[in-house]
Amino acid sequence: MRKSVLVRGIALAVILTFAGCGGNNDNAKSDSANQIKTEDVAQSNDESEKIEYTSSSFKGINYKIPSTWRSVLSDNGQNMYYYPTENSQPMLMITYYEIEITDLESNLDSVMDGMKNTEGTSAFSVSNGTLNGKSSRNFNYTLTLENITTKVSGYTFPALSGVAHIMWGQEEKDSDDYTSIFNEILNSLQYEVNPPSTTVAPTAEPTPSVEPEPSATPSTEEPGITMSQRNALSKAHDYLDYTAFSYSGLIGQLEYEGFSTEDSTYAVDNCGADWNEQAAQKAQDYLDYSSFSRTGLIEQLEYEGFTAEQAEYGVSAVGY
């Protein structure tokens, strides 16, 4: 059974954050434009030691960060990484996904399920909490990838018109204690939550019933299409607006949403997608998150359901 696109996209970003994807990413861009002002803030565990913090903002989420930490914006613009030193792995990540929030608690729980069931995670725990006086989920887990074990903690919370994360990780062998810094960053978080629109269209004044005259414009609705086919086609377009899919991957996603195999296949056959271009887009998505060999990227695309020819096209299209 497939997880929703939201869950898979967020979980992938979260898991790969501390897997060496940031420090050596040539596509990442330093982002110092968000810096506003600096001030001294004392560490709670040592009143004699002071750290200079910089007030920063990402996607409308405001917070303080140590002024000596380096910031890097991911190529897709959804993730902001922070590094304590020039050559360190990312210590902190803030990420934001703009989605339509219809059921806040269900969205947060779904993201937690996606993270928990992603390869490389263990000892996953989650609890209900609050950030900025609003509902959130606090999570902790161990991430083991490429023989490196990292302890990860963070919060998932609704922000603006979507869902955001703030999370931090340290390699198990790292003995430095950053607890007071993370608490300072958490305490400084400020953001708004835009509720779903509840605007009701005004009721029009009743008008006399008039028989419509025959229209010369043909109907845009395809004759013979069923309601379930029409809805499956609409959902397919929604998913393709969000991320890239292979032919079989999109059918599987629609089936996960409850559409029959027949309706899902109809929708994917008629959605107008160019599967070569979808493969290229998916290849770029993966390279935005992590590093791949050419062979490894082709295999990843084939795992996603692309044919060997489509995978070759996609990898070549991004310059490999």
Protein backbone atom coordinates (compact mmCIF):
# COMPACT_ATOMS: atom_id res chain seq x y z
CA MET A 1 0.00 0.00 0.00
CA ARG A 2 1.42 3.37 -0.99
CA LYS A 3 1.68 6.37 1.30
CA SER A 4 0.25 9.67 0.10
CA VAL A 5 2.42 12.01 -1.96
CA LEU A 6 2.60 14.47 0.92
CA VAL A 7 3.87 11.82 3.32
CA ARG A 8 6.43 10.39 0.88
CA GLY A 9 7.78 13.80 -0.12
CA ILE A 10 8.16 15.10 3.42
CA ALA A 11 9.53 11.83 4.76
CA LEU A 12 12.19 11.71 2.02
CA ALA A 13 13.32 15.26 2.79
CA VAL A 14 13.44 14.55 6.52
CA ILE A 15 15.35 11.28 6.30
CA LEU A 16 17.94 12.60 3.83
CA THR A 17 18.59 15.78 5.79
CA PHE A 18 21.26 14.21 7.97
CA ALA A 19 22.55 11.70 5.41
CA GLY A 20 25.33 13.92 4.10
CA CYS A 21 23.13 15.67 1.55
CA GLY A 22 23.90 19.22 2.50
CA GLY A 23 27.54 20.06 2.98
CA ASN A 24 28.79 18.90 -0.39
CA ASN A 25 25.72 19.71 -2.49
CA ASP A 26 26.88 21.87 -5.37
CA ASN A 27 23.26 22.84 -6.09
CA ALA A 28 22.75 24.37 -2.63
CA LYS A 29 22.78 28.14 -2.36
CA SER A 30 24.00 30.15 0.62
CA ASP A 31 21.19 32.31 1.94
CA SER A 32 22.24 35.31 4.01
CA ALA A 33 19.46 37.62 2.78
CA ASN A 34 17.19 36.51 5.60
CA GLN A 35 19.47 37.93 8.30
CA ILE A 36 17.92 40.94 10.01
CA LYS A 37 19.69 41.86 13.22
CA THR A 38 21.92 40.33 15.91
CA GLU A 39 21.80 40.23 19.67
CA ASP A 40 23.60 38.47 22.50
CA VAL A 41 21.80 35.56 24.17
CA ALA A 42 23.27 33.69 27.13
CA GLN A 43 23.46 29.90 27.07
CA SER A 44 21.33 28.47 29.87
CA ASN A 45 24.05 26.06 31.03
CA ASP A 46 26.77 28.71 31.34
CA GLU A 47 25.83 32.28 32.20
CA SER A 48 29.39 33.48 31.58
CA GLU A 49 29.39 32.27 27.98
CA LYS A 50 27.39 34.29 25.46
CA ILE A 51 26.40 33.37 21.93
CA GLU A 52 25.54 35.94 19.30
CA TYR A 53 22.23 35.13 17.61
CA THR A 54 20.89 36.42 14.33
CA SER A 55 17.16 36.91 13.72
CA SER A 56 16.27 35.07 10.51
CA SER A 57 13.22 34.17 8.49
CA PHE A 58 12.32 31.35 6.10
CA LYS A 59 9.00 31.18 4.24
CA GLY A 60 7.45 33.51 6.82
CA ILE A 61 8.69 31.45 9.79
CA ASN A 62 10.79 33.68 12.07
CA TYR A 63 13.46 32.49 14.52
CA LYS A 64 16.93 33.16 15.96
CA ILE A 65 20.04 31.26 14.86
CA PRO A 66 23.69 31.46 16.03
CA SER A 67 25.28 34.12 13.84
CA THR A 68 28.34 31.97 13.16
CA TRP A 69 26.27 29.15 11.66
CA ARG A 70 26.28 28.88 7.88
CA SER A 71 22.91 28.77 6.11
CA VAL A 72 22.26 26.92 2.83
CA LEU A 73 19.01 26.98 0.85
CA SER A 74 18.15 23.80 -1.09
CA ASP A 75 17.69 24.10 -4.82
CA ASN A 76 13.96 23.38 -4.64
CA GLY A 77 13.51 26.17 -2.09
CA GLN A 78 11.72 23.97 0.45
CA ASN A 79 14.58 23.34 2.89
CA MET A 80 16.91 25.66 4.81
CA TYR A 81 19.97 23.92 6.28
CA TYR A 82 22.25 25.29 9.01
CA TYR A 83 25.85 24.20 9.66
CA PRO A 84 27.79 25.04 12.86
CA THR A 85 31.09 25.05 10.95
CA GLU A 86 32.17 25.32 7.32
CA ASN A 87 32.88 21.61 6.87
CA SER A 88 30.29 20.04 9.18
CA GLN A 89 27.20 18.09 8.19
CA PRO A 90 23.88 19.96 8.54
CA MET A 91 22.98 20.36 12.21
CA LEU A 92 19.56 21.95 11.79
CA MET A 93 16.91 22.00 9.07
CA ILE A 94 13.75 24.04 8.64
CA THR A 95 11.46 22.93 5.85
CA TYR A 96 8.04 23.98 4.57
CA TYR A 97 5.49 22.36 2.26
CA GLU A 98 2.52 24.40 1.10
CA ILE A 99 -0.54 22.16 1.02
CA GLU A 100 -4.25 22.50 1.55
CA ILE A 101 -4.91 21.65 5.20
CA THR A 102 -8.37 20.13 5.58
CA ASP A 103 -7.73 17.95 8.63
CA LEU A 104 -4.84 19.26 10.71
CA GLU A 105 -4.46 16.38 13.16
CA SER A 106 -4.73 13.75 10.41
CA ASN A 107 -2.06 15.55 8.34
CA LEU A 108 0.38 15.65 11.24
CA ASP A 109 -0.22 11.98 12.11
CA SER A 110 0.23 10.94 8.46
CA VAL A 111 3.60 12.70 8.26
CA MET A 112 4.71 10.92 11.43
CA ASP A 113 3.68 7.53 9.97
CA GLY A 114 5.64 8.27 6.80
CA MET A 115 8.80 9.15 8.74
CA LYS A 116 8.50 6.12 11.03
CA ASN A 117 8.22 3.69 8.12
CA THR A 118 11.08 5.13 6.06
CA GLU A 119 14.20 3.01 5.57
CA GLY A 120 17.06 3.79 7.96
CA THR A 121 14.97 4.89 10.94
CA SER A 122 14.70 3.06 14.27
CA ALA A 123 13.70 3.78 17.86
CA PHE A 124 11.05 6.17 16.54
CA SER A 125 8.92 7.92 19.16
CA VAL A 126 6.36 10.71 18.81
CA SER A 127 4.25 12.74 21.21
CA ASN A 128 1.67 15.51 20.92
CA GLY A 129 2.99 18.96 21.73
CA THR A 130 2.67 22.66 21.03
CA LEU A 131 4.84 25.23 19.30
CA ASN A 132 3.96 28.90 19.39
CA GLY A 133 0.79 27.86 21.24
CA LYS A 134 -0.36 25.69 18.30
CA SER A 135 -0.69 21.93 17.80
CA SER A 136 2.46 20.01 16.79
CA ARG A 137 4.14 16.61 16.93
CA ASN A 138 7.48 16.13 18.70
CA PHE A 139 9.53 13.24 17.26
CA ASN A 140 12.80 11.48 18.06
CA TYR A 141 14.49 8.68 16.16
CA THR A 142 17.80 7.11 15.22
CA LEU A 143 18.91 7.33 11.60
CA THR A 144 21.49 4.85 10.28
CA LEU A 145 22.69 5.34 6.71
CA GLU A 146 26.04 4.51 5.13
CA ASN A 147 27.33 3.19 8.51
CA ILE A 148 26.72 6.58 10.15
CA THR A 149 24.32 6.74 13.10
CA THR A 150 22.62 10.06 13.85
CA LYS A 151 20.26 10.97 16.68
CA VAL A 152 17.45 13.15 15.31
CA SER A 153 14.81 15.22 17.12
CA GLY A 154 12.33 17.78 15.94
CA TYR A 155 8.84 19.12 15.56
CA THR A 156 6.28 18.94 12.76
CA PHE A 157 3.70 21.72 12.86
CA PRO A 158 1.16 23.61 10.76
CA ALA A 159 2.49 26.93 9.50
CA LEU A 160 1.14 29.49 7.06
CA SER A 161 -0.85 27.45 4.50
CA GLY A 162 0.96 24.15 4.94
CA VAL A 163 3.15 21.94 7.12
CA ALA A 164 6.66 22.71 8.42
CA HIS A 165 9.49 20.92 10.25
CA ILE A 166 12.23 22.13 12.52
CA MET A 167 14.65 19.33 13.29
CA TRP A 168 18.21 18.78 14.39
CA GLY A 169 20.62 15.87 14.39
CA GLN A 170 24.00 14.89 15.80
CA GLU A 171 26.17 11.93 14.99
CA GLU A 172 26.16 9.45 17.84
CA LYS A 173 29.91 9.91 18.31
CA ASP A 174 29.57 13.71 18.68
CA SER A 175 30.03 14.61 22.36
CA ASP A 176 29.20 18.34 22.07
CA ASP A 177 25.97 19.44 23.77
CA TYR A 178 23.82 21.77 21.67
CA THR A 179 20.69 21.41 23.82
CA SER A 180 20.61 25.01 25.06
CA ILE A 181 21.07 26.34 21.51
CA PHE A 182 18.21 24.24 20.16
CA ASN A 183 15.97 25.32 23.02
CA GLU A 184 16.79 28.95 22.28
CA ILE A 185 15.90 28.45 18.61
CA LEU A 186 12.64 26.68 19.50
CA ASN A 187 11.65 29.39 21.98
CA SER A 188 12.24 32.06 19.34
CA LEU A 189 9.93 30.51 16.70
CA GLN A 190 7.17 32.83 15.48
CA TYR A 191 4.75 32.00 12.66
CA GLU A 192 1.12 32.19 11.66
CA VAL A 193 -1.33 29.48 10.59
CA ASN A 194 -3.79 30.29 7.84
CA PRO A 195 -6.99 28.31 8.44
CA PRO A 196 -8.84 26.70 5.53
CA SER A 197 -11.17 29.10 3.80
CA THR A 198 -14.73 28.93 5.12
CA THR A 199 -16.10 31.72 2.94
CA VAL A 200 -19.62 31.02 1.74
CA ALA A 201 -20.64 32.50 -1.58
CA PRO A 202 -23.50 34.98 -1.25
CA THR A 203 -26.92 33.68 -2.23
CA ALA A 204 -28.10 35.19 -5.47
CA GLU A 205 -31.55 36.71 -5.78
CA PRO A 206 -34.00 34.25 -7.40
CA THR A 207 -34.57 34.86 -11.09
CA PRO A 208 -37.41 33.71 -13.30
CA SER A 209 -36.85 30.32 -14.89
CA VAL A 210 -35.91 30.62 -18.56
CA GLU A 211 -35.36 27.77 -20.95
CA PRO A 212 -31.70 27.93 -22.15
CA GLU A 213 -31.16 28.32 -25.86
CA PRO A 214 -29.07 25.67 -27.61
CA SER A 215 -25.37 26.53 -27.37
CA ALA A 216 -23.08 26.47 -30.37
CA THR A 217 -20.12 25.72 -28.08
CA PRO A 218 -19.52 21.98 -27.67
CA SER A 219 -19.48 20.59 -24.12
CA THR A 220 -16.03 20.24 -22.55
CA GLU A 221 -17.18 17.09 -20.80
CA GLU A 222 -16.19 13.94 -22.67
CA PRO A 223 -19.29 11.92 -23.56
CA GLY A 224 -19.53 8.53 -21.87
CA ILE A 225 -17.07 9.32 -19.06
CA THR A 226 -18.25 8.19 -15.64
CA MET A 227 -18.08 10.29 -12.48
CA SER A 228 -15.40 8.02 -10.99
CA GLN A 229 -13.28 8.32 -14.14
CA ARG A 230 -13.66 12.09 -14.12
CA ASN A 231 -12.67 12.28 -10.44
CA ALA A 232 -9.72 9.94 -10.98
CA LEU A 233 -8.51 12.12 -13.86
CA SER A 234 -8.82 15.25 -11.73
CA LYS A 235 -6.86 13.59 -8.91
CA ALA A 236 -4.16 12.48 -11.36
CA HIS A 237 -3.71 16.10 -12.48
CA ASP A 238 -3.52 17.20 -8.83
CA TYR A 239 -0.69 14.75 -8.15
CA LEU A 240 1.22 15.70 -11.29
CA ASP A 241 0.99 19.35 -10.25
CA TYR A 242 2.75 18.38 -7.01
CA THR A 243 5.49 15.99 -8.08
CA ALA A 244 6.66 13.60 -10.80
CA PHE A 245 5.32 10.07 -11.32
CA SER A 246 5.94 7.10 -13.55
CA TYR A 247 2.99 5.59 -15.42
CA SER A 248 2.67 2.62 -13.06
CA GLY A 249 3.48 4.76 -10.03
CA LEU A 250 0.60 7.13 -10.71
CA ILE A 251 -1.82 4.24 -11.24
CA GLY A 252 -0.72 2.78 -7.92
CA GLN A 253 -1.15 6.12 -6.16
CA LEU A 254 -4.70 6.50 -7.48
CA GLU A 255 -5.50 2.94 -6.41
CA TYR A 256 -4.21 3.82 -2.93
CA GLU A 257 -6.67 6.72 -2.93
CA GLY A 258 -9.48 4.20 -3.46
CA PHE A 259 -10.03 4.36 -7.22
CA SER A 260 -10.47 1.09 -9.08
CA THR A 261 -7.72 -0.23 -11.34
CA GLU A 262 -9.91 0.52 -14.36
CA ASP A 263 -10.61 4.13 -13.33
CA SER A 264 -6.97 4.69 -12.34
CA THR A 265 -5.72 3.35 -15.66
CA TYR A 266 -8.22 5.49 -17.58
CA ALA A 267 -7.07 8.58 -15.71
CA VAL A 268 -3.36 7.93 -16.28
CA ASP A 269 -3.95 7.10 -19.96
CA ASN A 270 -5.74 10.42 -20.43
CA CYS A 271 -3.79 12.79 -18.14
CA GLY A 272 -1.48 13.95 -20.93
CA ALA A 273 1.77 13.29 -19.06
CA ASP A 274 5.06 12.92 -20.93
CA TRP A 275 6.69 10.03 -19.05
CA ASN A 276 10.17 10.91 -20.29
CA GLU A 277 9.75 14.41 -18.86
CA GLN A 278 8.35 12.92 -15.65
CA ALA A 279 11.50 10.78 -15.37
CA ALA A 280 13.69 13.86 -15.86
CA GLN A 281 11.76 15.76 -13.20
CA LYS A 282 12.00 12.87 -10.75
CA ALA A 283 15.75 12.56 -11.41
CA GLN A 284 16.21 16.24 -10.60
CA ASP A 285 14.11 15.86 -7.44
CA TYR A 286 16.43 13.12 -6.20
CA LEU A 287 19.56 15.13 -7.02
CA ASP A 288 18.12 18.10 -5.10
CA TYR A 289 18.02 15.91 -1.99
CA SER A 290 21.14 13.77 -2.27
CA SER A 291 24.03 12.58 -4.44
CA PHE A 292 23.70 9.63 -6.82
CA SER A 293 25.96 7.82 -9.25
CA ARG A 294 24.54 7.63 -12.77
CA THR A 295 23.85 3.92 -12.35
CA GLY A 296 22.33 4.45 -8.93
CA LEU A 297 20.03 7.19 -10.20
CA ILE A 298 18.85 5.01 -13.11
CA GLU A 299 18.12 2.17 -10.69
CA GLN A 300 16.21 4.54 -8.40
CA LEU A 301 14.04 5.72 -11.29
CA GLU A 302 13.36 2.14 -12.37
CA TYR A 303 12.40 1.36 -8.77
CA GLU A 304 9.89 4.22 -9.04
CA GLY A 305 8.30 2.43 -12.00
CA PHE A 306 9.94 4.11 -14.99
CA THR A 307 11.02 1.90 -17.89
CA ALA A 308 14.73 1.47 -18.59
CA GLU A 309 14.39 3.81 -21.59
CA GLN A 310 12.58 6.47 -19.58
CA ALA A 311 15.12 6.24 -16.76
CA GLU A 312 18.00 6.64 -19.24
CA TYR A 313 16.27 9.67 -20.75
CA GLY A 314 15.62 11.23 -17.35
CA VAL A 315 19.21 10.83 -16.15
CA SER A 316 20.62 12.18 -19.44
CA ALA A 317 18.21 15.13 -19.30
CA VAL A 318 19.69 16.35 -16.00
CA GLY A 319 23.20 16.25 -17.38
CA TYR A 320 24.43 12.79 -16.31
